[in-house]
C-alpha cells in the first residue's frame, strides 16, 4: 500500500472465504494492518488467517497454517469433526465438504 493510500484508509476488512484460494493474499494483508497499526477486522476466515499471520511473524512458525488449506503444516486451526447438539453427538469425518462445520452463535462447551 503506498503512502497516499495509507493516509486515506481508515481500516482494513479481510472477509471470509473457504479453502486455499486467496489465503496467501489475506495473510499478508493482516500482517500489513498489524505492522502499520491500521484498524483491522477479520471476518470469519479473515480472523482465522490473521491468527496464522501472527504465528508466522511473531512466533516464527514458518509453516503455520490450517489443515483446511494443507496437511503439511504446523496446524493452528482445525476443522470441527465432533460436536454435541442437545444430548446427541454428531460426528463427521475430516474428508467432507466444509459447509456446516462452523460453530456460529451461542454454544455451551
PDB file of N, CA and C in Angstrom:
ATOM      1  N   UNK A   1       0.859  -1.171   0.000  1.00  0.00           N
ATOM      2  CA  UNK A   1       0.000   0.000   0.000  1.00  0.00           C
ATOM      3  C   UNK A   1       0.900   1.227   0.000  1.00  0.00           C
ATOM      4  N   UNK A   2       0.687   2.130  -0.912  1.00  0.00           N
ATOM      5  CA  UNK A   2       1.532   3.316  -0.945  1.00  0.00           C
ATOM      6  C   UNK A   2       1.103   4.325   0.114  1.00  0.00           C
ATOM      7  N   UNK A   3       1.941   5.310   0.375  1.00  0.00           N
ATOM      8  CA  UNK A   3       1.694   6.273   1.450  1.00  0.00           C
ATOM      9  C   UNK A   3       0.416   7.072   1.219  1.00  0.00           C
ATOM     10  N   UNK A   4       0.146   7.485  -0.023  1.00  0.00           N
ATOM     11  CA  UNK A   4      -1.077   8.240  -0.292  1.00  0.00           C
ATOM     12  C   UNK A   4      -2.309   7.435   0.085  1.00  0.00           C
ATOM     13  N   UNK A   5      -2.337   6.179  -0.292  1.00  0.00           N
ATOM     14  CA  UNK A   5      -3.486   5.339   0.036  1.00  0.00           C
ATOM     15  C   UNK A   5      -3.566   5.111   1.534  1.00  0.00           C
ATOM     16  N   UNK A   6      -2.446   4.907   2.181  1.00  0.00           N
ATOM     17  CA  UNK A   6      -2.442   4.680   3.620  1.00  0.00           C
ATOM     18  C   UNK A   6      -3.009   5.878   4.360  1.00  0.00           C
ATOM     19  N   UNK A   7      -2.786   7.076   3.855  1.00  0.00           N
ATOM     20  CA  UNK A   7      -3.292   8.288   4.502  1.00  0.00           C
ATOM     21  C   UNK A   7      -4.812   8.384   4.468  1.00  0.00           C
ATOM     22  N   UNK A   8      -5.462   7.719   3.527  1.00  0.00           N
ATOM     23  CA  UNK A   8      -6.922   7.816   3.422  1.00  0.00           C
ATOM     24  C   UNK A   8      -7.651   6.552   3.853  1.00  0.00           C
ATOM     25  N   UNK A   9      -6.928   5.509   4.212  1.00  0.00           N
ATOM     26  CA  UNK A   9      -7.553   4.260   4.632  1.00  0.00           C
ATOM     27  C   UNK A   9      -7.841   4.327   6.126  1.00  0.00           C
ATOM     28  N   UNK A  10      -9.106   4.090   6.494  1.00  0.00           N
ATOM     29  CA  UNK A  10      -9.485   4.088   7.905  1.00  0.00           C
ATOM     30  C   UNK A  10      -9.350   2.714   8.536  1.00  0.00           C
ATOM     31  N   UNK A  11      -9.350   1.680   7.730  1.00  0.00           N
ATOM     32  CA  UNK A  11      -9.259   0.335   8.251  1.00  0.00           C
ATOM     33  C   UNK A  11      -9.220  -0.674   7.122  1.00  0.00           C
ATOM     34  N   UNK A  12      -8.935  -1.901   7.484  1.00  0.00           N
ATOM     35  CA  UNK A  12      -8.869  -2.992   6.516  1.00  0.00           C
ATOM     36  C   UNK A  12      -9.813  -4.093   6.989  1.00  0.00           C
ATOM     37  N   UNK A  13     -10.643  -4.563   6.069  1.00  0.00           N
ATOM     38  CA  UNK A  13     -11.509  -5.712   6.343  1.00  0.00           C
ATOM     39  C   UNK A  13     -11.012  -6.876   5.496  1.00  0.00           C
ATOM     40  N   UNK A  14     -10.788  -7.993   6.147  1.00  0.00           N
ATOM     41  CA  UNK A  14     -10.444  -9.207   5.412  1.00  0.00           C
ATOM     42  C   UNK A  14     -11.645 -10.140   5.568  1.00  0.00           C
ATOM     43  N   UNK A  15     -12.322 -10.413   4.463  1.00  0.00           N
ATOM     44  CA  UNK A  15     -13.573 -11.168   4.526  1.00  0.00           C
ATOM     45  C   UNK A  15     -13.359 -12.663   4.661  1.00  0.00           C
ATOM     46  N   UNK A  16     -14.483 -13.320   4.791  1.00  0.00           N
ATOM     47  CA  UNK A  16     -14.461 -14.775   4.875  1.00  0.00           C
ATOM     48  C   UNK A  16     -14.190 -15.388   3.512  1.00  0.00           C
ATOM     49  N   UNK A  17     -14.142 -16.669   3.477  1.00  0.00           N
ATOM     50  CA  UNK A  17     -13.867 -17.443   2.279  1.00  0.00           C
ATOM     51  C   UNK A  17     -13.477 -18.825   2.753  1.00  0.00           C
ATOM     52  N   UNK A  18     -13.383 -19.755   1.856  1.00  0.00           N
ATOM     53  CA  UNK A  18     -13.074 -21.119   2.276  1.00  0.00           C
ATOM     54  C   UNK A  18     -12.003 -21.709   1.381  1.00  0.00           C
ATOM     55  N   UNK A  19     -11.278 -22.672   1.915  1.00  0.00           N
ATOM     56  CA  UNK A  19     -10.267 -23.363   1.141  1.00  0.00           C
ATOM     57  C   UNK A  19      -9.016 -22.529   0.950  1.00  0.00           C
ATOM     58  N   UNK A  20      -8.176 -22.970   0.049  1.00  0.00           N
ATOM     59  CA  UNK A  20      -6.855 -22.368  -0.144  1.00  0.00           C
ATOM     60  C   UNK A  20      -6.884 -21.095  -0.994  1.00  0.00           C
ATOM     61  N   UNK A  21      -7.930 -20.902  -1.768  1.00  0.00           N
ATOM     62  CA  UNK A  21      -7.972 -19.765  -2.683  1.00  0.00           C
ATOM     63  C   UNK A  21      -7.897 -18.435  -1.924  1.00  0.00           C
ATOM     64  N   UNK A  22      -6.931 -17.643  -2.214  1.00  0.00           N
ATOM     65  CA  UNK A  22      -6.794 -16.329  -1.612  1.00  0.00           C
ATOM     66  C   UNK A  22      -6.081 -16.275  -0.279  1.00  0.00           C
ATOM     67  N   UNK A  23      -5.766 -17.428   0.296  1.00  0.00           N
ATOM     68  CA  UNK A  23      -5.151 -17.461   1.623  1.00  0.00           C
ATOM     69  C   UNK A  23      -3.856 -16.666   1.669  1.00  0.00           C
ATOM     70  N   UNK A  24      -2.975 -16.904   0.753  1.00  0.00           N
ATOM     71  CA  UNK A  24      -1.661 -16.264   0.805  1.00  0.00           C
ATOM     72  C   UNK A  24      -1.715 -14.786   0.445  1.00  0.00           C
ATOM     73  N   UNK A  25      -2.870 -14.269   0.059  1.00  0.00           N
ATOM     74  CA  UNK A  25      -3.053 -12.829  -0.105  1.00  0.00           C
ATOM     75  C   UNK A  25      -3.657 -12.201   1.140  1.00  0.00           C
ATOM     76  N   UNK A  26      -4.496 -12.943   1.825  1.00  0.00           N
ATOM     77  CA  UNK A  26      -5.146 -12.429   3.030  1.00  0.00           C
ATOM     78  C   UNK A  26      -4.186 -12.382   4.215  1.00  0.00           C
ATOM     79  N   UNK A  27      -3.286 -13.335   4.296  1.00  0.00           N
ATOM     80  CA  UNK A  27      -2.332 -13.363   5.409  1.00  0.00           C
ATOM     81  C   UNK A  27      -1.427 -12.121   5.394  1.00  0.00           C
ATOM     82  N   UNK A  28      -0.831 -11.745   4.253  1.00  0.00           N
ATOM     83  CA  UNK A  28      -0.030 -10.517   4.246  1.00  0.00           C
ATOM     84  C   UNK A  28      -0.855  -9.256   4.509  1.00  0.00           C
ATOM     85  N   UNK A  29      -2.122  -9.250   4.138  1.00  0.00           N
ATOM     86  CA  UNK A  29      -2.975  -8.084   4.415  1.00  0.00           C
ATOM     87  C   UNK A  29      -3.162  -7.917   5.923  1.00  0.00           C
ATOM     88  N   UNK A  30      -3.360  -9.018   6.629  1.00  0.00           N
ATOM     89  CA  UNK A  30      -3.483  -8.967   8.089  1.00  0.00           C
ATOM     90  C   UNK A  30      -2.164  -8.514   8.720  1.00  0.00           C
ATOM     91  N   UNK A  31      -1.068  -9.020   8.197  1.00  0.00           N
ATOM     92  CA  UNK A  31       0.259  -8.639   8.684  1.00  0.00           C
ATOM     93  C   UNK A  31       0.488  -7.135   8.485  1.00  0.00           C
ATOM     94  N   UNK A  32       0.145  -6.643   7.310  1.00  0.00           N
ATOM     95  CA  UNK A  32       0.318  -5.225   6.992  1.00  0.00           C
ATOM     96  C   UNK A  32      -0.497  -4.347   7.953  1.00  0.00           C
ATOM     97  N   UNK A  33      -1.739  -4.719   8.184  1.00  0.00           N
ATOM     98  CA  UNK A  33      -2.589  -3.940   9.089  1.00  0.00           C
ATOM     99  C   UNK A  33      -1.981  -3.880  10.486  1.00  0.00           C
ATOM    100  N   UNK A  34      -1.475  -5.011  10.961  1.00  0.00           N
ATOM    101  CA  UNK A  34      -0.870  -5.041  12.298  1.00  0.00           C
ATOM    102  C   UNK A  34       0.390  -4.193  12.359  1.00  0.00           C
ATOM    103  N   UNK A  35       1.274  -4.346  11.375  1.00  0.00           N
ATOM    104  CA  UNK A  35       2.541  -3.610  11.386  1.00  0.00           C
ATOM    105  C   UNK A  35       2.340  -2.102  11.252  1.00  0.00           C
ATOM    106  N   UNK A  36       1.355  -1.683  10.454  1.00  0.00           N
ATOM    107  CA  UNK A  36       1.103  -0.256  10.221  1.00  0.00           C
ATOM    108  C   UNK A  36       0.101   0.337  11.201  1.00  0.00           C
ATOM    109  N   UNK A  37      -0.368  -0.507  12.152  1.00  0.00           N
ATOM    110  CA  UNK A  37      -1.338  -0.081  13.163  1.00  0.00           C
ATOM    111  C   UNK A  37      -2.615   0.481  12.535  1.00  0.00           C
ATOM    112  N   UNK A  38      -3.050  -0.180  11.470  1.00  0.00           N
ATOM    113  CA  UNK A  38      -4.294   0.178  10.799  1.00  0.00           C
ATOM    114  C   UNK A  38      -5.392  -0.700  11.396  1.00  0.00           C
ATOM    115  N   UNK A  39      -6.514  -0.100  11.812  1.00  0.00           N
ATOM    116  CA  UNK A  39      -7.592  -0.928  12.354  1.00  0.00           C
ATOM    117  C   UNK A  39      -7.941  -2.055  11.390  1.00  0.00           C
ATOM    118  N   UNK A  40      -8.200  -3.213  11.961  1.00  0.00           N
ATOM    119  CA  UNK A  40      -8.369  -4.433  11.174  1.00  0.00           C
ATOM    120  C   UNK A  40      -9.571  -5.213  11.673  1.00  0.00           C
ATOM    121  N   UNK A  41     -10.353  -5.719  10.750  1.00  0.00           N
ATOM    122  CA  UNK A  41     -11.465  -6.587  11.111  1.00  0.00           C
ATOM    123  C   UNK A  41     -11.387  -7.827  10.251  1.00  0.00           C
ATOM    124  N   UNK A  42     -11.092  -8.951  10.861  1.00  0.00           N
ATOM    125  CA  UNK A  42     -11.062 -10.223  10.153  1.00  0.00           C
ATOM    126  C   UNK A  42     -12.390 -10.912  10.356  1.00  0.00           C
ATOM    127  N   UNK A  43     -13.147 -11.048   9.283  1.00  0.00           N
ATOM    128  CA  UNK A  43     -14.462 -11.674   9.369  1.00  0.00           C
ATOM    129  C   UNK A  43     -14.305 -13.168   9.086  1.00  0.00           C
ATOM    130  N   UNK A  44     -14.673 -13.992  10.048  1.00  0.00           N
ATOM    131  CA  UNK A  44     -14.664 -15.446   9.901  1.00  0.00           C
ATOM    132  C   UNK A  44     -13.265 -15.928   9.482  1.00  0.00           C
ATOM    133  N   UNK A  45     -13.118 -16.359   8.255  1.00  0.00           N
ATOM    134  CA  UNK A  45     -11.840 -16.862   7.751  1.00  0.00           C
ATOM    135  C   UNK A  45     -10.761 -15.778   7.799  1.00  0.00           C
ATOM    136  N   UNK A  46     -11.162 -14.509   7.717  1.00  0.00           N
ATOM    137  CA  UNK A  46     -10.204 -13.412   7.829  1.00  0.00           C
ATOM    138  C   UNK A  46      -9.508 -13.401   9.184  1.00  0.00           C
ATOM    139  N   UNK A  47     -10.247 -13.658  10.266  1.00  0.00           N
ATOM    140  CA  UNK A  47      -9.632 -13.726  11.601  1.00  0.00           C
ATOM    141  C   UNK A  47      -8.810 -15.001  11.738  1.00  0.00           C
ATOM    142  N   UNK A  48      -9.291 -16.068  11.163  1.00  0.00           N
ATOM    143  CA  UNK A  48      -8.571 -17.342  11.117  1.00  0.00           C
ATOM    144  C   UNK A  48      -7.182 -17.098  10.519  1.00  0.00           C
ATOM    145  N   UNK A  49      -7.129 -16.374   9.401  1.00  0.00           N
ATOM    146  CA  UNK A  49      -5.859 -16.124   8.725  1.00  0.00           C
ATOM    147  C   UNK A  49      -5.009 -15.084   9.450  1.00  0.00           C
ATOM    148  N   UNK A  50      -5.642 -14.165  10.169  1.00  0.00           N
ATOM    149  CA  UNK A  50      -4.875 -13.225  10.988  1.00  0.00           C
ATOM    150  C   UNK A  50      -4.113 -13.974  12.076  1.00  0.00           C
ATOM    151  N   UNK A  51      -4.721 -15.019  12.626  1.00  0.00           N
ATOM    152  CA  UNK A  51      -4.040 -15.854  13.630  1.00  0.00           C
ATOM    153  C   UNK A  51      -2.819 -16.533  13.028  1.00  0.00           C
ATOM    154  N   UNK A  52      -2.963 -17.001  11.801  1.00  0.00           N
ATOM    155  CA  UNK A  52      -1.836 -17.634  11.116  1.00  0.00           C
ATOM    156  C   UNK A  52      -0.736 -16.607  10.851  1.00  0.00           C
ATOM    157  N   UNK A  53      -1.122 -15.394  10.463  1.00  0.00           N
ATOM    158  CA  UNK A  53      -0.147 -14.322  10.238  1.00  0.00           C
ATOM    159  C   UNK A  53       0.658 -14.034  11.507  1.00  0.00           C
ATOM    160  N   UNK A  54      -0.036 -13.941  12.632  1.00  0.00           N
ATOM    161  CA  UNK A  54       0.650 -13.700  13.911  1.00  0.00           C
ATOM    162  C   UNK A  54       1.626 -14.821  14.250  1.00  0.00           C
ATOM    163  N   UNK A  55       1.190 -16.051  14.060  1.00  0.00           N
ATOM    164  CA  UNK A  55       2.064 -17.190  14.365  1.00  0.00           C
ATOM    165  C   UNK A  55       3.308 -17.174  13.487  1.00  0.00           C
ATOM    166  N   UNK A  56       3.127 -16.842  12.220  1.00  0.00           N
ATOM    167  CA  UNK A  56       4.278 -16.806  11.311  1.00  0.00           C
ATOM    168  C   UNK A  56       5.238 -15.670  11.655  1.00  0.00           C
ATOM    169  N   UNK A  57       4.703 -14.491  11.941  1.00  0.00           N
ATOM    170  CA  UNK A  57       5.598 -13.336  12.130  1.00  0.00           C
ATOM    171  C   UNK A  57       6.099 -13.178  13.560  1.00  0.00           C
ATOM    172  N   UNK A  58       5.249 -13.333  14.547  1.00  0.00           N
ATOM    173  CA  UNK A  58       5.666 -13.117  15.932  1.00  0.00           C
ATOM    174  C   UNK A  58       6.255 -14.366  16.581  1.00  0.00           C
ATOM    175  N   UNK A  59       5.661 -15.523  16.294  1.00  0.00           N
ATOM    176  CA  UNK A  59       6.132 -16.762  16.911  1.00  0.00           C
ATOM    177  C   UNK A  59       7.156 -17.495  16.060  1.00  0.00           C
ATOM    178  N   UNK A  60       7.374 -16.987  14.835  1.00  0.00           N
ATOM    179  CA  UNK A  60       8.367 -17.552  13.909  1.00  0.00           C
ATOM    180  C   UNK A  60       8.063 -19.001  13.530  1.00  0.00           C
ATOM    181  N   UNK A  61       6.779 -19.338  13.439  1.00  0.00           N
ATOM    182  CA  UNK A  61       6.362 -20.663  12.975  1.00  0.00           C
ATOM    183  C   UNK A  61       6.158 -20.534  11.467  1.00  0.00           C
ATOM    184  N   UNK A  62       7.205 -20.795  10.710  1.00  0.00           N
ATOM    185  CA  UNK A  62       7.194 -20.533   9.271  1.00  0.00           C
ATOM    186  C   UNK A  62       6.104 -21.276   8.520  1.00  0.00           C
ATOM    187  N   UNK A  63       5.800 -22.496   8.925  1.00  0.00           N
ATOM    188  CA  UNK A  63       4.806 -23.277   8.200  1.00  0.00           C
ATOM    189  C   UNK A  63       3.452 -23.291   8.913  1.00  0.00           C
ATOM    190  N   UNK A  64       3.193 -22.274   9.753  1.00  0.00           N
ATOM    191  CA  UNK A  64       1.893 -22.175  10.412  1.00  0.00           C
ATOM    192  C   UNK A  64       0.805 -22.089   9.355  1.00  0.00           C
ATOM    193  N   UNK A  65      -0.256 -22.858   9.544  1.00  0.00           N
ATOM    194  CA  UNK A  65      -1.355 -22.848   8.593  1.00  0.00           C
ATOM    195  C   UNK A  65      -2.535 -23.573   9.214  1.00  0.00           C
ATOM    196  N   UNK A  66      -3.464 -23.976   8.400  1.00  0.00           N
ATOM    197  CA  UNK A  66      -4.655 -24.690   8.817  1.00  0.00           C
ATOM    198  C   UNK A  66      -4.770 -25.966   8.002  1.00  0.00           C
ATOM    199  N   UNK A  67      -5.284 -27.009   8.611  1.00  0.00           N
ATOM    200  CA  UNK A  67      -5.490 -28.239   7.856  1.00  0.00           C
ATOM    201  C   UNK A  67      -6.557 -28.061   6.788  1.00  0.00           C
ATOM    202  N   UNK A  68      -7.314 -26.981   6.849  1.00  0.00           N
ATOM    203  CA  UNK A  68      -8.265 -26.687   5.776  1.00  0.00           C
ATOM    204  C   UNK A  68      -7.530 -26.345   4.483  1.00  0.00           C
ATOM    205  N   UNK A  69      -6.300 -25.831   4.611  1.00  0.00           N
ATOM    206  CA  UNK A  69      -5.502 -25.414   3.464  1.00  0.00           C
ATOM    207  C   UNK A  69      -4.519 -26.504   3.052  1.00  0.00           C
ATOM    208  N   UNK A  70      -3.811 -27.077   4.034  1.00  0.00           N
ATOM    209  CA  UNK A  70      -2.807 -28.096   3.747  1.00  0.00           C
ATOM    210  C   UNK A  70      -2.604 -28.987   4.956  1.00  0.00           C
ATOM    211  N   UNK A  71      -2.295 -30.226   4.710  1.00  0.00           N
ATOM    212  CA  UNK A  71      -1.977 -31.159   5.796  1.00  0.00           C
ATOM    213  C   UNK A  71      -0.510 -31.014   6.217  1.00  0.00           C
ATOM    214  N   UNK A  72       0.319 -30.440   5.348  1.00  0.00           N
ATOM    215  CA  UNK A  72       1.758 -30.310   5.575  1.00  0.00           C
ATOM    216  C   UNK A  72       2.051 -28.971   6.241  1.00  0.00           C
ATOM    217  N   UNK A  73       1.709 -28.848   7.533  1.00  0.00           N
ATOM    218  CA  UNK A  73       1.876 -27.574   8.216  1.00  0.00           C
ATOM    219  C   UNK A  73       1.917 -27.790   9.720  1.00  0.00           C
ATOM    220  N   UNK A  74       2.279 -26.719  10.425  1.00  0.00           N
ATOM    221  CA  UNK A  74       2.056 -26.685  11.862  1.00  0.00           C
ATOM    222  C   UNK A  74       0.634 -26.165  12.008  1.00  0.00           C
ATOM    223  N   UNK A  75      -0.275 -27.040  12.356  1.00  0.00           N
ATOM    224  CA  UNK A  75      -1.697 -26.720  12.345  1.00  0.00           C
ATOM    225  C   UNK A  75      -2.079 -25.814  13.503  1.00  0.00           C
ATOM    226  N   UNK A  76      -2.677 -24.679  13.186  1.00  0.00           N
ATOM    227  CA  UNK A  76      -3.177 -23.764  14.212  1.00  0.00           C
ATOM    228  C   UNK A  76      -4.685 -23.839  14.345  1.00  0.00           C
ATOM    229  N   UNK A  77      -5.359 -24.096  13.257  1.00  0.00           N
ATOM    230  CA  UNK A  77      -6.818 -24.106  13.218  1.00  0.00           C
ATOM    231  C   UNK A  77      -7.256 -25.447  12.642  1.00  0.00           C
ATOM    232  N   UNK A  78      -8.091 -26.156  13.349  1.00  0.00           N
ATOM    233  CA  UNK A  78      -8.587 -27.430  12.843  1.00  0.00           C
ATOM    234  C   UNK A  78     -10.065 -27.366  12.545  1.00  0.00           C
ATOM    235  N   UNK A  79     -10.529 -28.301  11.767  1.00  0.00           N
ATOM    236  CA  UNK A  79     -11.949 -28.388  11.447  1.00  0.00           C
ATOM    237  C   UNK A  79     -12.684 -29.148  12.538  1.00  0.00           C
ATOM    238  N   UNK A  80     -13.915 -28.755  12.809  1.00  0.00           N
ATOM    239  CA  UNK A  80     -14.734 -29.496  13.753  1.00  0.00           C
ATOM    240  C   UNK A  80     -15.096 -30.835  13.145  1.00  0.00           C
ATOM    241  N   UNK A  81     -14.907 -31.894  13.886  1.00  0.00           N
ATOM    242  CA  UNK A  81     -15.333 -33.206  13.417  1.00  0.00           C
ATOM    243  C   UNK A  81     -16.360 -33.818  14.369  1.00  0.00           C
ATOM    244  N   UNK A  82     -16.530 -33.208  15.531  1.00  0.00           N
ATOM    245  CA  UNK A  82     -17.484 -33.737  16.510  1.00  0.00           C
ATOM    246  C   UNK A  82     -18.037 -32.606  17.344  1.00  0.00           C
ATOM    247  N   UNK A  83     -19.338 -32.608  17.563  1.00  0.00           N
ATOM    248  CA  UNK A  83     -19.952 -31.638  18.447  1.00  0.00           C
ATOM    249  C   UNK A  83     -21.243 -32.206  18.998  1.00  0.00           C
ATOM    250  N   UNK A  84     -21.724 -31.590  20.071  1.00  0.00           N
ATOM    251  CA  UNK A  84     -22.927 -32.080  20.727  1.00  0.00           C
ATOM    252  C   UNK A  84     -24.068 -31.111  20.485  1.00  0.00           C
ATOM    253  N   UNK A  85     -25.216 -31.652  20.101  1.00  0.00           N
ATOM    254  CA  UNK A  85     -26.434 -30.872  19.938  1.00  0.00           C
ATOM    255  C   UNK A  85     -27.470 -31.498  20.849  1.00  0.00           C
ATOM    256  N   UNK A  86     -27.860 -30.752  21.867  1.00  0.00           N
ATOM    257  CA  UNK A  86     -28.713 -31.287  22.927  1.00  0.00           C
ATOM    258  C   UNK A  86     -28.001 -32.485  23.549  1.00  0.00           C
ATOM    259  N   UNK A  87     -28.557 -33.675  23.447  1.00  0.00           N
ATOM    260  CA  UNK A  87     -27.907 -34.860  24.039  1.00  0.00           C
ATOM    261  C   UNK A  87     -27.302 -35.777  22.984  1.00  0.00           C
ATOM    262  N   UNK A  88     -27.335 -35.347  21.725  1.00  0.00           N
ATOM    263  CA  UNK A  88     -26.835 -36.177  20.624  1.00  0.00           C
ATOM    264  C   UNK A  88     -25.471 -35.674  20.167  1.00  0.00           C
ATOM    265  N   UNK A  89     -24.519 -36.588  20.013  1.00  0.00           N
ATOM    266  CA  UNK A  89     -23.199 -36.228  19.488  1.00  0.00           C
ATOM    267  C   UNK A  89     -23.205 -36.470  17.989  1.00  0.00           C
ATOM    268  N   UNK A  90     -22.881 -35.419  17.233  1.00  0.00           N
ATOM    269  CA  UNK A  90     -22.803 -35.522  15.784  1.00  0.00           C
ATOM    270  C   UNK A  90     -21.340 -35.611  15.391  1.00  0.00           C
ATOM    271  N   UNK A  91     -21.029 -36.530  14.486  1.00  0.00           N
ATOM    272  CA  UNK A  91     -19.650 -36.716  14.048  1.00  0.00           C
ATOM    273  C   UNK A  91     -19.578 -36.644  12.532  1.00  0.00           C
ATOM    274  N   UNK A  92     -18.494 -36.066  12.044  1.00  0.00           N
ATOM    275  CA  UNK A  92     -18.205 -36.035  10.615  1.00  0.00           C
ATOM    276  C   UNK A  92     -16.744 -36.385  10.419  1.00  0.00           C
ATOM    277  N   UNK A  93     -16.451 -36.993   9.319  1.00  0.00           N
ATOM    278  CA  UNK A  93     -15.053 -37.283   9.023  1.00  0.00           C
ATOM    279  C   UNK A  93     -14.400 -36.003   8.520  1.00  0.00           C
ATOM    280  N   UNK A  94     -13.081 -35.952   8.526  1.00  0.00           N
ATOM    281  CA  UNK A  94     -12.355 -34.803   8.010  1.00  0.00           C
ATOM    282  C   UNK A  94     -12.327 -34.757   6.496  1.00  0.00           C
ATOM    283  N   UNK A  95     -12.915 -35.736   5.837  1.00  0.00           N
ATOM    284  CA  UNK A  95     -12.863 -35.839   4.376  1.00  0.00           C
ATOM    285  C   UNK A  95     -14.142 -35.339   3.713  1.00  0.00           C
ATOM    286  N   UNK A  96     -14.883 -34.460   4.379  1.00  0.00           N
ATOM    287  CA  UNK A  96     -16.145 -33.977   3.825  1.00  0.00           C
ATOM    288  C   UNK A  96     -15.994 -32.556   3.303  1.00  0.00           C
ATOM    289  N   UNK A  97     -17.019 -32.083   2.628  1.00  0.00           N
ATOM    290  CA  UNK A  97     -17.050 -30.681   2.226  1.00  0.00           C
ATOM    291  C   UNK A  97     -17.140 -29.840   3.491  1.00  0.00           C
ATOM    292  N   UNK A  98     -16.709 -28.592   3.427  1.00  0.00           N
ATOM    293  CA  UNK A  98     -16.573 -27.781   4.629  1.00  0.00           C
ATOM    294  C   UNK A  98     -17.864 -27.167   5.147  1.00  0.00           C
ATOM    295  N   UNK A  99     -18.837 -26.924   4.312  1.00  0.00           N
ATOM    296  CA  UNK A  99     -20.019 -26.219   4.799  1.00  0.00           C
ATOM    297  C   UNK A  99     -20.686 -26.986   5.934  1.00  0.00           C
ATOM    298  N   UNK A 100     -21.203 -26.208   6.879  1.00  0.00           N
ATOM    299  CA  UNK A 100     -21.881 -26.819   8.013  1.00  0.00           C
ATOM    300  C   UNK A 100     -20.950 -27.240   9.131  1.00  0.00           C
ATOM    301  N   UNK A 101     -19.682 -26.889   9.073  1.00  0.00           N
ATOM    302  CA  UNK A 101     -18.746 -27.322  10.110  1.00  0.00           C
ATOM    303  C   UNK A 101     -18.345 -26.197  11.052  1.00  0.00           C
ATOM    304  N   UNK A 102     -18.868 -25.002  10.842  1.00  0.00           N
ATOM    305  CA  UNK A 102     -18.505 -23.891  11.719  1.00  0.00           C
ATOM    306  C   UNK A 102     -19.470 -23.819  12.893  1.00  0.00           C
ATOM    307  N   UNK A 103     -18.973 -23.357  14.008  1.00  0.00           N
ATOM    308  CA  UNK A 103     -19.806 -23.148  15.184  1.00  0.00           C
ATOM    309  C   UNK A 103     -20.167 -21.662  15.189  1.00  0.00           C
ATOM    310  N   UNK A 104     -21.429 -21.374  15.020  1.00  0.00           N
ATOM    311  CA  UNK A 104     -21.898 -19.999  14.963  1.00  0.00           C
ATOM    312  C   UNK A 104     -22.863 -19.738  16.119  1.00  0.00           C
ATOM    313  N   UNK A 105     -22.757 -18.580  16.722  1.00  0.00           N
ATOM    314  CA  UNK A 105     -23.679 -18.217  17.778  1.00  0.00           C
ATOM    315  C   UNK A 105     -23.318 -18.817  19.114  1.00  0.00           C
ATOM    316  N   UNK A 106     -24.279 -18.809  20.012  1.00  0.00           N
ATOM    317  CA  UNK A 106     -24.085 -19.279  21.374  1.00  0.00           C
ATOM    318  C   UNK A 106     -23.926 -20.804  21.398  1.00  0.00           C
ATOM    319  N   UNK A 107     -22.902 -21.271  22.071  1.00  0.00           N
ATOM    320  CA  UNK A 107     -22.671 -22.713  22.189  1.00  0.00           C
ATOM    321  C   UNK A 107     -21.988 -22.978  23.524  1.00  0.00           C
ATOM    322  N   UNK A 108     -22.630 -23.736  24.370  1.00  0.00           N
ATOM    323  CA  UNK A 108     -22.039 -24.097  25.653  1.00  0.00           C
ATOM    324  C   UNK A 108     -21.058 -25.230  25.423  1.00  0.00           C
ATOM    325  N   UNK A 109     -19.831 -25.027  25.863  1.00  0.00           N
ATOM    326  CA  UNK A 109     -18.835 -26.078  25.676  1.00  0.00           C
ATOM    327  C   UNK A 109     -18.007 -26.239  26.934  1.00  0.00           C
TER     328      UNK A 109
END
